[in-house]
Amino acid sequence: ELHLPEDWSLPPGQPRGATTQLSEVRIQRGKTSWGGPHEEAVAHWSFPLEFHLTRKHFTEPSSEWPSISFTVSSYDSWDRQHHHGYGHLRLPGAPGTIETD
């Protein structure tokens, strides 16, 4: 979900959030630091996000900046939802691309 301070806005009709991005989980095999076998379920997600934001008054610096929050969840065979984690990212102050680990 996109979190906007009071003086920021989105164009009409642009959603603040989405829940439709899916990722496939694969088993990643490797070795531990001491050489033993290691298997881990890994999901890679690389869906680009694009937002067109407008700030009403840009005359003085703002202490609040737009941010986005993520929730990682899954569904089991009985269609129950399980939450695995949350994340929060403050959007950059300049246009461009962000890469995070």
Protein backbone atom coordinates (compact mmCIF):
# COMPACT_ATOMS: atom_id res chain seq x y z
CA GLU A 1 0.00 0.00 0.00
CA LEU A 2 1.20 3.50 -0.81
CA HIS A 3 1.22 5.90 2.16
CA LEU A 4 1.00 9.59 1.24
CA PRO A 5 1.52 12.61 3.53
CA GLU A 6 -1.23 15.21 3.57
CA ASP A 7 0.22 17.48 0.84
CA TRP A 8 0.76 14.64 -1.69
CA SER A 9 -1.77 13.16 -4.12
CA LEU A 10 -2.30 10.56 -6.85
CA PRO A 11 -4.09 11.15 -10.16
CA PRO A 12 -7.81 10.29 -10.03
CA GLY A 13 -8.44 6.56 -10.50
CA GLN A 14 -4.89 5.44 -9.66
CA PRO A 15 -5.08 2.81 -6.88
CA ARG A 16 -3.00 3.10 -3.69
CA GLY A 17 -2.42 -0.63 -3.48
CA ALA A 18 -2.72 -3.98 -5.21
CA THR A 19 -2.90 -7.60 -4.14
CA THR A 20 -2.49 -9.41 -7.45
CA GLN A 21 1.25 -9.92 -7.79
CA LEU A 22 2.22 -13.59 -7.47
CA SER A 23 5.55 -15.35 -7.27
CA GLU A 24 6.49 -18.99 -7.65
CA VAL A 25 8.49 -20.61 -4.86
CA ARG A 26 11.45 -22.78 -5.84
CA ILE A 27 13.89 -24.83 -3.78
CA GLN A 28 17.37 -23.35 -3.80
CA ARG A 29 20.12 -25.84 -3.00
CA GLY A 30 23.51 -24.90 -1.69
CA LYS A 31 25.96 -25.42 1.11
CA THR A 32 26.19 -23.97 4.58
CA SER A 33 29.24 -21.99 5.69
CA TRP A 34 30.73 -25.21 7.13
CA GLY A 35 30.14 -27.20 3.91
CA GLY A 36 26.95 -29.10 4.78
CA PRO A 37 23.99 -29.32 2.40
CA HIS A 38 21.35 -26.62 2.65
CA GLU A 39 17.91 -26.25 1.01
CA GLU A 40 15.76 -23.17 1.21
CA ALA A 41 12.41 -22.20 -0.34
CA VAL A 42 12.98 -18.95 -2.25
CA ALA A 43 10.58 -16.69 -4.13
CA HIS A 44 11.93 -13.94 -6.39
CA TRP A 45 9.62 -11.06 -7.18
CA SER A 46 10.52 -8.41 -9.73
CA PHE A 47 7.28 -6.70 -10.61
CA PRO A 48 7.94 -3.02 -11.45
CA LEU A 49 5.94 -0.46 -9.50
CA GLU A 50 5.09 2.89 -11.04
CA PHE A 51 3.40 5.81 -9.30
CA HIS A 52 2.70 9.33 -10.50
CA LEU A 53 2.74 11.51 -7.39
CA THR A 54 2.06 15.23 -7.06
CA ARG A 55 3.01 17.47 -4.18
CA LYS A 56 0.73 20.49 -3.74
CA HIS A 57 3.22 22.94 -2.22
CA PHE A 58 6.91 22.47 -2.93
CA THR A 59 8.15 25.76 -1.45
CA GLU A 60 9.77 24.28 1.66
CA PRO A 61 11.24 20.87 2.49
CA SER A 62 8.83 18.33 3.88
CA SER A 63 9.62 16.17 6.90
CA GLU A 64 7.15 13.61 5.56
CA TRP A 65 7.84 11.71 2.36
CA PRO A 66 5.73 9.06 0.55
CA SER A 67 6.42 5.45 1.48
CA ILE A 68 5.21 2.03 0.44
CA SER A 69 4.55 -1.01 2.60
CA PHE A 70 4.63 -4.65 1.52
CA THR A 71 3.07 -7.76 2.99
CA VAL A 72 4.28 -11.24 2.05
CA SER A 73 1.62 -13.91 2.44
CA SER A 74 0.59 -17.27 1.05
CA TYR A 75 -2.46 -19.51 0.84
CA ASP A 76 -2.48 -23.14 1.92
CA SER A 77 -4.43 -26.05 0.40
CA TRP A 78 -7.54 -25.06 2.44
CA ASP A 79 -7.38 -21.50 1.08
CA ARG A 80 -6.28 -20.05 4.44
CA GLN A 81 -4.04 -17.01 4.25
CA HIS A 82 -0.72 -16.99 6.14
CA HIS A 83 1.33 -13.82 6.62
CA HIS A 84 5.09 -14.34 6.44
CA GLY A 85 6.47 -10.83 6.71
CA TYR A 86 6.15 -7.12 6.24
CA GLY A 87 8.38 -4.46 4.72
CA HIS A 88 8.46 -0.69 4.50
CA LEU A 89 10.34 1.47 1.97
CA ARG A 90 10.58 5.26 1.88
CA LEU A 91 10.40 6.44 -1.72
CA PRO A 92 13.45 8.35 -3.04
CA GLY A 93 13.56 12.12 -3.33
CA ALA A 94 14.58 11.99 -7.00
CA PRO A 95 13.22 10.16 -10.06
CA GLY A 96 14.90 6.93 -11.10
CA THR A 97 15.29 3.33 -10.08
CA ILE A 98 15.78 1.84 -6.61
CA GLU A 99 17.43 -1.50 -6.01
CA THR A 100 17.29 -3.02 -2.53
CA ASP A 101 18.55 -6.25 -1.00
